[in-house]
């Protein structure tokens, strides 16, 4: 029985995989049809591609203006060294959260978490289902 079930599963998987590979999108066929109807389409497409490539070169992510800026936190001053700034930012954030009672990392005050855990204990204590 197990062998028959396994055989059916394997055969079904193979048939599904074979059908999935023969599916065509149609976008390419439609683009070819549009090129036949409008001969200038291919030229306009190439021009657009060149403009996009030029824009990407001009606005690359390696530019200094594209660097991420960290939100302002008391006790943190950016030095310009990205690695050092990440470390100093994390320290300043931890210190700030600790000062404001938000030391659990998810910005929920610690007293609320304690209250929630107390409610959970009470619920479990008075529960009839164990």
N, C-alpha and C. Protein backbone atom coordinates (compact mmCIF):
# COMPACT_ATOMS: atom_id res chain seq x y z
N UNK A 1 0.83 -1.19 0.00
CA UNK A 1 0.00 0.00 0.00
C UNK A 1 0.88 1.26 0.00
N UNK A 2 1.94 1.23 0.82
CA UNK A 2 2.84 2.38 0.88
C UNK A 2 3.53 2.60 -0.45
N UNK A 3 3.91 1.50 -1.11
CA UNK A 3 4.61 1.62 -2.39
C UNK A 3 3.69 2.21 -3.46
N UNK A 4 2.42 1.81 -3.45
CA UNK A 4 1.47 2.34 -4.42
C UNK A 4 1.26 3.83 -4.19
N UNK A 5 1.07 4.21 -2.93
CA UNK A 5 0.88 5.62 -2.59
C UNK A 5 2.10 6.44 -2.98
N UNK A 6 3.28 5.95 -2.68
CA UNK A 6 4.51 6.64 -3.03
C UNK A 6 4.65 6.76 -4.54
N UNK A 7 4.32 5.72 -5.27
CA UNK A 7 4.40 5.75 -6.73
C UNK A 7 3.46 6.79 -7.32
N UNK A 8 2.25 6.86 -6.77
CA UNK A 8 1.27 7.84 -7.25
C UNK A 8 1.77 9.26 -6.98
N UNK A 9 2.34 9.48 -5.80
CA UNK A 9 2.86 10.80 -5.45
C UNK A 9 4.01 11.21 -6.37
N UNK A 10 4.92 10.29 -6.64
CA UNK A 10 6.05 10.58 -7.51
C UNK A 10 5.57 10.85 -8.93
N UNK A 11 4.64 10.05 -9.41
CA UNK A 11 4.12 10.25 -10.76
C UNK A 11 3.40 11.59 -10.87
N UNK A 12 2.63 11.94 -9.87
CA UNK A 12 1.93 13.23 -9.87
C UNK A 12 2.90 14.38 -9.86
N UNK A 13 3.95 14.27 -9.10
CA UNK A 13 4.96 15.33 -9.04
C UNK A 13 5.65 15.50 -10.39
N UNK A 14 5.99 14.39 -11.01
CA UNK A 14 6.66 14.46 -12.31
C UNK A 14 5.75 15.06 -13.37
N UNK A 15 4.49 14.69 -13.37
CA UNK A 15 3.56 15.24 -14.35
C UNK A 15 3.34 16.73 -14.14
N UNK A 16 3.23 17.14 -12.89
CA UNK A 16 3.05 18.55 -12.58
C UNK A 16 4.27 19.35 -13.00
N UNK A 17 5.45 18.84 -12.73
CA UNK A 17 6.69 19.53 -13.10
C UNK A 17 6.81 19.63 -14.61
N UNK A 18 6.43 18.60 -15.32
CA UNK A 18 6.53 18.60 -16.77
C UNK A 18 5.58 19.63 -17.38
N UNK A 19 4.38 19.74 -16.82
CA UNK A 19 3.41 20.71 -17.33
C UNK A 19 3.83 22.14 -17.01
N UNK A 20 4.43 22.35 -15.86
CA UNK A 20 4.83 23.69 -15.45
C UNK A 20 5.93 24.24 -16.35
N UNK A 21 6.76 23.39 -16.89
CA UNK A 21 7.86 23.84 -17.72
C UNK A 21 7.40 24.21 -19.13
N UNK A 22 6.25 23.75 -19.57
CA UNK A 22 5.79 24.04 -20.93
C UNK A 22 4.90 25.27 -20.98
N UNK A 23 4.61 25.89 -19.86
CA UNK A 23 3.75 27.07 -19.82
C UNK A 23 4.51 28.27 -20.37
N UNK A 24 3.87 29.04 -21.26
CA UNK A 24 4.48 30.23 -21.84
C UNK A 24 3.74 31.46 -21.35
N UNK A 25 4.46 32.56 -21.25
CA UNK A 25 3.91 33.79 -20.71
C UNK A 25 3.09 34.54 -21.75
N UNK A 26 3.61 34.78 -22.89
CA UNK A 26 2.90 35.51 -23.91
C UNK A 26 3.40 36.93 -24.09
N UNK A 27 4.19 37.42 -23.15
CA UNK A 27 4.69 38.78 -23.24
C UNK A 27 5.60 38.95 -24.45
N UNK A 28 6.47 37.99 -24.66
CA UNK A 28 7.40 38.07 -25.79
C UNK A 28 6.64 38.03 -27.11
N UNK A 29 5.64 37.16 -27.20
CA UNK A 29 4.86 37.06 -28.44
C UNK A 29 4.13 38.37 -28.71
N UNK A 30 3.57 38.98 -27.66
CA UNK A 30 2.85 40.24 -27.81
C UNK A 30 3.82 41.35 -28.23
N UNK A 31 5.01 41.38 -27.65
CA UNK A 31 6.01 42.38 -28.01
C UNK A 31 6.41 42.23 -29.48
N UNK A 32 6.60 40.99 -29.93
CA UNK A 32 6.95 40.75 -31.33
C UNK A 32 5.82 41.22 -32.25
N UNK A 33 4.57 40.98 -31.88
CA UNK A 33 3.43 41.42 -32.67
C UNK A 33 3.40 42.95 -32.75
N UNK A 34 3.65 43.61 -31.64
CA UNK A 34 3.66 45.08 -31.61
C UNK A 34 4.80 45.64 -32.46
N UNK A 35 5.96 44.95 -32.46
CA UNK A 35 7.08 45.40 -33.30
C UNK A 35 6.71 45.29 -34.78
N UNK A 36 5.94 44.27 -35.16
CA UNK A 36 5.52 44.13 -36.55
C UNK A 36 4.54 45.24 -36.93
N UNK A 37 3.66 45.58 -35.98
CA UNK A 37 2.67 46.62 -36.26
C UNK A 37 3.28 48.02 -36.25
N UNK A 38 4.31 48.24 -35.42
CA UNK A 38 4.95 49.54 -35.30
C UNK A 38 6.46 49.36 -35.36
N UNK A 39 7.07 49.53 -36.55
CA UNK A 39 8.51 49.30 -36.70
C UNK A 39 9.38 50.22 -35.82
N UNK A 40 8.89 51.38 -35.42
CA UNK A 40 9.70 52.29 -34.61
C UNK A 40 9.72 51.89 -33.13
N UNK A 41 8.95 50.90 -32.74
CA UNK A 41 8.87 50.47 -31.34
C UNK A 41 10.22 49.96 -30.83
N UNK A 42 10.91 49.18 -31.63
CA UNK A 42 12.19 48.63 -31.20
C UNK A 42 13.22 49.75 -30.98
N UNK A 43 13.22 50.74 -31.85
CA UNK A 43 14.15 51.86 -31.71
C UNK A 43 13.83 52.65 -30.43
N UNK A 44 12.55 52.92 -30.17
CA UNK A 44 12.16 53.65 -28.96
C UNK A 44 12.52 52.85 -27.71
N UNK A 45 12.36 51.54 -27.76
CA UNK A 45 12.70 50.69 -26.63
C UNK A 45 14.19 50.76 -26.34
N UNK A 46 15.01 50.70 -27.38
CA UNK A 46 16.47 50.80 -27.20
C UNK A 46 16.86 52.15 -26.62
N UNK A 47 16.22 53.23 -27.09
CA UNK A 47 16.51 54.56 -26.56
C UNK A 47 16.15 54.65 -25.07
N UNK A 48 15.01 54.07 -24.72
CA UNK A 48 14.60 54.05 -23.30
C UNK A 48 15.60 53.27 -22.46
N UNK A 49 16.06 52.15 -22.97
CA UNK A 49 17.04 51.35 -22.24
C UNK A 49 18.33 52.13 -22.02
N UNK A 50 18.76 52.89 -23.04
CA UNK A 50 19.97 53.70 -22.90
C UNK A 50 19.77 54.80 -21.87
N UNK A 51 18.60 55.44 -21.88
CA UNK A 51 18.32 56.49 -20.89
C UNK A 51 18.30 55.92 -19.47
N UNK A 52 17.74 54.74 -19.31
CA UNK A 52 17.68 54.10 -17.99
C UNK A 52 19.09 53.76 -17.52
N UNK A 53 19.91 53.21 -18.42
CA UNK A 53 21.29 52.88 -18.05
C UNK A 53 22.07 54.13 -17.66
N UNK A 54 21.84 55.22 -18.39
CA UNK A 54 22.52 56.49 -18.07
C UNK A 54 22.08 57.00 -16.70
N UNK A 55 20.78 56.93 -16.42
CA UNK A 55 20.26 57.39 -15.13
C UNK A 55 20.84 56.56 -13.98
N UNK A 56 20.94 55.26 -14.18
CA UNK A 56 21.50 54.38 -13.15
C UNK A 56 22.96 54.74 -12.87
N UNK A 57 23.72 55.01 -13.92
CA UNK A 57 25.12 55.42 -13.72
C UNK A 57 25.21 56.73 -12.95
N UNK A 58 24.34 57.68 -13.29
CA UNK A 58 24.37 58.99 -12.64
C UNK A 58 23.89 58.94 -11.19
N UNK A 59 23.03 58.01 -10.87
CA UNK A 59 22.43 57.93 -9.54
C UNK A 59 22.80 56.62 -8.84
N UNK A 60 24.05 56.27 -8.90
CA UNK A 60 24.46 55.00 -8.30
C UNK A 60 24.40 55.08 -6.78
N UNK A 61 24.26 53.94 -6.14
CA UNK A 61 24.15 53.87 -4.68
C UNK A 61 25.49 54.11 -3.99
N UNK A 62 26.57 54.16 -4.73
CA UNK A 62 27.88 54.36 -4.13
C UNK A 62 28.17 55.83 -3.85
N UNK A 63 27.29 56.71 -4.27
CA UNK A 63 27.48 58.13 -4.00
C UNK A 63 27.31 58.41 -2.51
N UNK A 64 28.07 59.37 -1.99
CA UNK A 64 27.95 59.71 -0.57
C UNK A 64 26.54 60.16 -0.18
N UNK A 65 25.81 60.80 -1.10
CA UNK A 65 24.48 61.28 -0.77
C UNK A 65 23.47 60.14 -0.62
N UNK A 66 23.82 58.95 -1.07
CA UNK A 66 22.91 57.83 -1.01
C UNK A 66 23.05 57.02 0.28
N UNK A 67 23.95 57.44 1.18
CA UNK A 67 24.14 56.71 2.43
C UNK A 67 22.94 56.88 3.33
N UNK A 68 22.65 55.87 4.09
CA UNK A 68 21.54 55.92 5.03
C UNK A 68 21.92 56.79 6.21
N UNK A 69 20.96 57.55 6.69
CA UNK A 69 21.19 58.36 7.88
C UNK A 69 20.41 57.75 9.03
N UNK A 70 21.04 57.73 10.18
CA UNK A 70 20.41 57.16 11.37
C UNK A 70 19.59 58.22 12.07
N UNK A 71 18.44 57.85 12.65
CA UNK A 71 17.62 58.83 13.36
C UNK A 71 18.38 59.41 14.55
N UNK A 72 18.02 60.62 14.93
CA UNK A 72 18.69 61.29 16.03
C UNK A 72 18.32 60.65 17.36
N UNK A 73 19.32 60.33 18.15
CA UNK A 73 19.15 59.80 19.51
C UNK A 73 20.09 60.59 20.41
N UNK A 74 19.63 61.03 21.58
CA UNK A 74 20.53 61.73 22.50
C UNK A 74 21.74 60.86 22.84
N UNK A 75 22.90 61.42 22.74
CA UNK A 75 24.13 60.70 23.06
C UNK A 75 24.81 60.09 21.85
N UNK A 76 24.25 60.31 20.64
CA UNK A 76 24.87 59.76 19.43
C UNK A 76 25.25 60.89 18.49
N UNK A 77 26.50 60.90 18.08
CA UNK A 77 27.02 61.82 17.08
C UNK A 77 27.64 61.00 15.97
N UNK A 78 27.21 61.22 14.73
CA UNK A 78 27.76 60.49 13.59
C UNK A 78 29.20 60.93 13.34
N UNK A 79 30.08 59.95 13.11
CA UNK A 79 31.49 60.25 12.88
C UNK A 79 31.85 60.19 11.40
N UNK A 80 30.99 59.59 10.60
CA UNK A 80 31.29 59.42 9.18
C UNK A 80 31.77 58.02 8.85
N UNK A 81 32.27 57.29 9.86
CA UNK A 81 32.68 55.90 9.67
C UNK A 81 31.45 55.03 9.89
N UNK A 82 30.98 54.40 8.84
CA UNK A 82 29.70 53.68 8.90
C UNK A 82 29.70 52.55 9.93
N UNK A 83 30.76 51.77 9.97
CA UNK A 83 30.83 50.65 10.93
C UNK A 83 30.85 51.15 12.38
N UNK A 84 31.66 52.15 12.64
CA UNK A 84 31.75 52.72 13.98
C UNK A 84 30.43 53.39 14.38
N UNK A 85 29.79 54.05 13.42
CA UNK A 85 28.51 54.69 13.71
C UNK A 85 27.44 53.68 14.08
N UNK A 86 27.43 52.52 13.42
CA UNK A 86 26.44 51.49 13.75
C UNK A 86 26.62 51.02 15.20
N UNK A 87 27.86 50.81 15.59
CA UNK A 87 28.15 50.35 16.96
C UNK A 87 27.76 51.42 17.97
N UNK A 88 28.19 52.66 17.73
CA UNK A 88 27.88 53.75 18.65
C UNK A 88 26.38 54.03 18.71
N UNK A 89 25.70 53.90 17.59
CA UNK A 89 24.25 54.11 17.56
C UNK A 89 23.54 53.05 18.40
N UNK A 90 23.96 51.80 18.26
CA UNK A 90 23.35 50.72 19.04
C UNK A 90 23.55 50.95 20.54
N UNK A 91 24.74 51.40 20.92
CA UNK A 91 25.00 51.68 22.34
C UNK A 91 24.14 52.83 22.84
N UNK A 92 24.06 53.90 22.06
CA UNK A 92 23.25 55.06 22.46
C UNK A 92 21.78 54.69 22.55
N UNK A 93 21.32 53.86 21.64
CA UNK A 93 19.91 53.44 21.65
C UNK A 93 19.62 52.59 22.88
N UNK A 94 20.51 51.65 23.19
CA UNK A 94 20.32 50.80 24.37
C UNK A 94 20.29 51.66 25.64
N UNK A 95 21.18 52.62 25.73
CA UNK A 95 21.23 53.51 26.89
C UNK A 95 19.94 54.33 27.00
N UNK A 96 19.47 54.85 25.88
CA UNK A 96 18.25 55.65 25.86
C UNK A 96 17.04 54.80 26.28
N UNK A 97 16.94 53.59 25.73
CA UNK A 97 15.82 52.71 26.08
C UNK A 97 15.86 52.32 27.55
N UNK A 98 17.05 52.08 28.08
CA UNK A 98 17.19 51.72 29.48
C UNK A 98 16.76 52.88 30.38
N UNK A 99 17.09 54.08 30.00
CA UNK A 99 16.72 55.25 30.79
C UNK A 99 15.21 55.46 30.83
N UNK A 100 14.53 55.02 29.79
CA UNK A 100 13.09 55.24 29.70
C UNK A 100 12.29 53.97 29.99
N UNK A 101 12.92 52.96 30.55
CA UNK A 101 12.20 51.74 30.93
C UNK A 101 11.79 50.88 29.76
N UNK A 102 12.51 50.96 28.66
CA UNK A 102 12.17 50.20 27.46
C UNK A 102 13.32 49.25 27.12
N UNK A 103 13.74 48.44 28.07
CA UNK A 103 14.95 47.64 27.89
C UNK A 103 14.71 46.30 27.21
N UNK A 104 13.48 45.96 26.87
CA UNK A 104 13.22 44.64 26.29
C UNK A 104 13.42 44.58 24.79
N UNK A 105 13.75 45.68 24.15
CA UNK A 105 14.07 45.66 22.73
C UNK A 105 12.90 45.86 21.80
N UNK A 106 11.67 45.73 22.28
CA UNK A 106 10.55 45.92 21.39
C UNK A 106 9.71 47.14 21.77
N UNK A 107 10.32 48.06 22.50
CA UNK A 107 9.73 49.35 22.85
C UNK A 107 8.43 49.25 23.64
N UNK A 108 8.26 48.17 24.40
CA UNK A 108 7.13 48.04 25.30
C UNK A 108 7.67 48.25 26.71
N UNK A 109 7.08 49.17 27.47
CA UNK A 109 7.59 49.40 28.82
C UNK A 109 7.62 48.11 29.63
N UNK A 110 8.66 47.98 30.43
CA UNK A 110 8.90 46.76 31.19
C UNK A 110 7.74 46.48 32.14
N UNK A 111 7.16 47.52 32.77
CA UNK A 111 6.07 47.28 33.71
C UNK A 111 4.84 46.69 33.02
N UNK A 112 4.60 47.03 31.77
CA UNK A 112 3.48 46.43 31.03
C UNK A 112 3.76 44.96 30.77
N UNK A 113 4.98 44.62 30.45
CA UNK A 113 5.32 43.22 30.22
C UNK A 113 5.16 42.42 31.51
N UNK A 114 5.61 42.99 32.63
CA UNK A 114 5.45 42.30 33.91
C UNK A 114 3.98 42.09 34.23
N UNK A 115 3.16 43.11 33.98
CA UNK A 115 1.72 43.00 34.22
C UNK A 115 1.11 41.90 33.35
N UNK A 116 1.53 41.84 32.11
CA UNK A 116 1.02 40.81 31.19
C UNK A 116 1.42 39.42 31.68
N UNK A 117 2.66 39.26 32.14
CA UNK A 117 3.08 37.95 32.62
C UNK A 117 2.32 37.56 33.89
N UNK A 118 2.00 38.54 34.73
CA UNK A 118 1.20 38.25 35.92
C UNK A 118 -0.20 37.79 35.52
N UNK A 119 -0.79 38.46 34.53
CA UNK A 119 -2.12 38.03 34.05
C UNK A 119 -2.06 36.61 33.51
N UNK A 120 -0.98 36.29 32.78
CA UNK A 120 -0.84 34.93 32.25
C UNK A 120 -0.75 33.91 33.38
N UNK A 121 -0.01 34.22 34.43
CA UNK A 121 0.11 33.31 35.56
C UNK A 121 -1.23 33.11 36.24
N UNK A 122 -1.98 34.20 36.42
CA UNK A 122 -3.31 34.10 37.04
C UNK A 122 -4.23 33.25 36.18
N UNK A 123 -4.18 33.48 34.89
CA UNK A 123 -5.05 32.72 33.98
C UNK A 123 -4.73 31.23 34.07
N UNK A 124 -3.45 30.90 34.11
CA UNK A 124 -3.05 29.49 34.19
C UNK A 124 -3.42 28.90 35.55
N UNK A 125 -3.33 29.71 36.61
CA UNK A 125 -3.63 29.22 37.95
C UNK A 125 -5.11 28.90 38.10
N UNK A 126 -5.96 29.74 37.56
CA UNK A 126 -7.40 29.57 37.71
C UNK A 126 -8.04 28.79 36.56
N UNK A 127 -7.23 28.27 35.68
CA UNK A 127 -7.75 27.52 34.55
C UNK A 127 -8.13 26.11 35.00
N UNK A 128 -9.25 25.62 34.49
CA UNK A 128 -9.69 24.27 34.81
C UNK A 128 -9.09 23.24 33.87
N UNK A 129 -8.53 23.69 32.77
CA UNK A 129 -7.93 22.77 31.80
C UNK A 129 -6.43 22.81 31.98
N UNK A 130 -5.85 21.67 32.24
CA UNK A 130 -4.40 21.60 32.44
C UNK A 130 -3.74 20.90 31.31
